[in-house]
Protein backbone atom coordinates (compact mmCIF):
# COMPACT_ATOMS: atom_id res chain seq x y z
CA MET A 1 -25.02 10.76 -18.80
CA THR A 2 -23.58 13.36 -21.17
CA GLU A 3 -20.01 13.33 -22.81
CA PRO A 4 -17.51 15.62 -21.57
CA THR A 5 -17.18 19.08 -23.65
CA ASP A 6 -14.53 21.23 -24.87
CA LEU A 7 -16.46 24.38 -24.70
CA PRO A 8 -14.51 27.27 -23.21
CA THR A 9 -14.80 27.52 -19.43
CA ASP A 10 -16.70 30.93 -19.60
CA GLU A 11 -19.56 29.21 -21.64
CA LEU A 12 -19.81 26.64 -19.08
CA THR A 13 -20.02 28.81 -15.97
CA GLY A 14 -23.27 28.30 -14.00
CA ARG A 15 -24.17 25.20 -16.22
CA ILE A 16 -21.66 22.72 -14.76
CA ASP A 17 -20.70 21.89 -11.05
CA LEU A 18 -17.41 20.21 -10.60
CA ARG A 19 -16.87 17.46 -7.76
CA VAL A 20 -13.51 16.19 -7.29
CA GLY A 21 -13.28 12.82 -5.18
CA ALA A 22 -10.73 10.22 -4.09
CA TYR A 23 -11.32 6.49 -4.13
CA ALA A 24 -9.49 3.64 -2.70
CA ILE A 25 -8.91 0.15 -4.04
CA VAL A 26 -8.22 -1.86 -1.13
CA HIS A 27 -7.52 -5.59 -2.11
CA ASP A 28 -5.98 -8.20 -0.13
CA GLU A 29 -6.41 -12.01 0.81
CA ARG A 30 -9.96 -11.14 2.06
CA GLY A 31 -11.10 -9.64 -1.13
CA VAL A 32 -11.96 -6.06 -2.05
CA LEU A 33 -13.15 -3.61 0.53
CA LEU A 34 -16.54 -1.76 -0.28
CA ALA A 35 -18.85 0.61 1.40
CA HIS A 36 -22.65 0.67 0.82
CA TRP A 37 -23.52 4.11 -0.15
CA HIS A 38 -27.08 5.55 0.57
CA ASP A 39 -28.73 8.86 -0.46
CA ARG A 40 -32.39 9.15 0.33
CA ASP A 41 -34.11 6.49 -2.04
CA ARG A 42 -31.05 5.47 -3.97
CA GLY A 43 -27.82 3.50 -3.03
CA GLY A 44 -25.49 0.45 -3.90
CA TRP A 45 -22.20 -0.78 -3.05
CA THR A 46 -19.25 1.61 -3.84
CA LEU A 47 -15.52 1.99 -3.36
CA PRO A 48 -14.61 3.75 -0.11
CA GLY A 49 -13.75 7.59 -0.72
CA GLY A 50 -15.55 10.68 -1.46
CA GLY A 51 -15.37 14.42 -2.15
CA MET A 52 -12.34 16.69 -1.59
CA GLU A 53 -12.70 19.16 1.06
CA PRO A 54 -11.39 22.79 -0.22
CA GLY A 55 -7.66 22.88 0.07
CA GLU A 56 -7.37 19.28 0.79
CA HIS A 57 -4.90 17.12 -1.01
CA PRO A 58 -6.47 13.97 -2.64
CA GLU A 59 -4.37 11.53 -0.85
CA THR A 60 -5.54 13.11 2.39
CA THR A 61 -8.91 12.80 1.23
CA VAL A 62 -8.68 9.12 0.44
CA VAL A 63 -7.06 8.38 3.83
CA ARG A 64 -9.77 10.47 5.69
CA GLU A 65 -12.62 8.89 3.66
CA VAL A 66 -11.49 5.35 4.00
CA ARG A 67 -11.21 5.91 7.89
CA GLU A 68 -14.50 7.64 8.27
CA GLU A 69 -16.51 4.91 5.98
CA THR A 70 -14.60 1.67 7.03
CA GLY A 71 -12.80 2.18 10.42
CA TYR A 72 -9.32 1.22 8.52
CA ASP A 73 -6.32 3.41 8.45
CA VAL A 74 -4.69 3.16 5.17
CA ARG A 75 -1.29 3.88 3.28
CA VAL A 76 -1.56 5.21 -0.07
CA ASP A 77 0.76 2.96 -2.36
CA ALA A 78 0.06 4.44 -5.78
CA ILE A 79 -2.33 6.60 -7.83
CA ILE A 80 -3.77 4.24 -10.42
CA GLY A 81 -6.18 6.29 -12.54
CA VAL A 82 -8.29 9.29 -13.06
CA GLY A 83 -11.72 9.13 -14.39
CA SER A 84 -14.26 11.61 -15.36
CA ILE A 85 -18.23 11.48 -15.98
CA MET A 86 -20.93 14.16 -16.77
CA VAL A 87 -24.26 13.80 -15.20
CA ALA A 88 -26.92 15.62 -16.67
CA GLY A 89 -28.84 18.47 -14.94
CA VAL A 90 -29.78 17.02 -11.58
CA ASP A 91 -29.08 18.42 -8.15
CA ARG A 92 -28.96 15.16 -6.34
CA LEU A 93 -30.68 16.72 -2.99
CA ALA A 94 -32.97 19.07 -4.49
CA GLY A 95 -34.13 18.26 -7.98
CA PRO A 96 -33.39 19.82 -11.18
CA GLY A 97 -30.06 21.75 -11.05
CA PRO A 98 -26.83 22.33 -13.31
CA ASP A 99 -24.91 19.44 -14.96
CA LEU A 100 -22.24 17.77 -12.70
CA GLN A 101 -18.77 16.68 -13.75
CA ALA A 102 -17.28 14.27 -11.32
CA LEU A 103 -13.64 13.89 -11.48
CA ARG A 104 -12.58 10.65 -9.63
CA ILE A 105 -8.97 9.93 -8.58
CA PHE A 106 -8.29 6.32 -7.81
CA PHE A 107 -5.66 5.09 -5.32
CA ARG A 108 -4.35 1.56 -4.41
CA CYS A 109 -4.15 1.66 -0.63
CA ALA A 110 -3.12 -0.87 2.13
CA ILE A 111 -4.59 -1.26 5.47
CA VAL A 112 -2.16 -0.09 7.97
CA GLY A 113 -4.35 -0.11 11.31
CA GLY A 114 -7.79 0.15 12.52
CA GLU A 115 -10.81 -2.33 12.60
CA LEU A 116 -13.75 -2.66 10.26
CA GLU A 117 -16.31 -0.58 11.48
CA VAL A 118 -19.73 0.95 9.81
CA GLU A 119 -19.76 4.59 9.55
CA GLN A 120 -22.20 6.15 12.09
CA SER A 121 -24.54 8.84 10.56
CA GLY A 122 -22.90 9.61 7.17
CA SER A 123 -23.16 8.56 3.60
CA THR A 124 -22.54 4.92 4.01
CA ASP A 125 -24.36 2.35 6.07
CA ASP A 126 -22.35 -0.80 5.58
CA VAL A 127 -18.91 -1.95 4.87
CA ARG A 128 -17.68 -5.45 3.98
CA TRP A 129 -14.99 -7.44 2.10
CA PHE A 130 -16.11 -9.07 -1.23
CA ALA A 131 -14.59 -11.56 -3.69
CA LEU A 132 -14.50 -10.41 -7.30
CA ASP A 133 -17.17 -12.86 -8.21
CA GLU A 134 -19.49 -11.54 -5.52
CA ILE A 135 -18.90 -7.91 -6.68
CA ALA A 136 -20.16 -8.85 -10.12
CA ARG A 137 -23.45 -9.73 -8.56
CA LEU A 138 -23.98 -6.78 -6.41
CA ASP A 139 -26.02 -3.63 -6.82
CA ARG A 140 -23.14 -1.53 -7.24
CA VAL A 141 -22.29 1.88 -8.23
CA ALA A 142 -20.29 2.02 -11.52
CA ILE A 143 -17.25 3.50 -9.93
CA ILE A 144 -16.41 0.15 -8.74
CA ASP A 145 -15.97 -1.31 -12.30
CA GLU A 146 -13.95 1.90 -13.34
CA GLY A 147 -11.67 1.59 -10.23
CA LEU A 148 -11.26 -2.28 -10.46
CA ALA A 149 -10.36 -1.81 -14.21
CA PHE A 150 -7.54 0.64 -13.18
CA ALA A 151 -6.15 -1.63 -10.71
CA GLY A 152 -6.06 -4.67 -13.18
CA LEU A 153 -8.86 -6.52 -11.39
CA ALA A 154 -11.46 -7.61 -13.80
CA LEU A 155 -14.91 -8.75 -12.80
CA PRO A 156 -16.57 -11.81 -14.37
CA GLY A 157 -19.26 -10.82 -16.59
CA PRO A 158 -20.17 -7.55 -18.35
CA ALA A 159 -19.59 -4.23 -16.87
CA ILE A 160 -22.44 -2.17 -15.64
CA ASP A 161 -23.77 0.96 -17.18
CA PRO A 162 -21.53 3.82 -16.03
CA THR A 163 -24.12 6.27 -15.50
CA TRP A 164 -24.58 8.19 -12.07
CA LYS A 165 -26.57 6.08 -9.76
């Protein structure tokens, strides 16, 4: 992982791809709702959410992504944080490529309908509720730690390395 830069935009053109995503913290008496992400030979538990479509509002993105990945309909209650990471020169699908800046917008959401359902033929292959102490023991993507910190939900034990997984 590399640190963000303050280089002028024209110096970065073609060197950094930007991906904006919206992610949900859904926490109630059942625990925290997580989805299991997979990409070829990598994967781990993550927050429900994902990349914005061109022209899409971030709140629309998080509602759509939660529905696709979990089967639940959610209401957005609040934006709770914005994070950004830089990932060094890897095209996640094709090998070497430009650096990636991932801008992540975190929302506190509540379930208003739907039923727990695993996404079919998408980027996730499981969805479950977990207690915080269970999350601390999971093979998880660092975005969980970042989102839970914004939500004021501390995991027991040390945080994981926040590099792209």
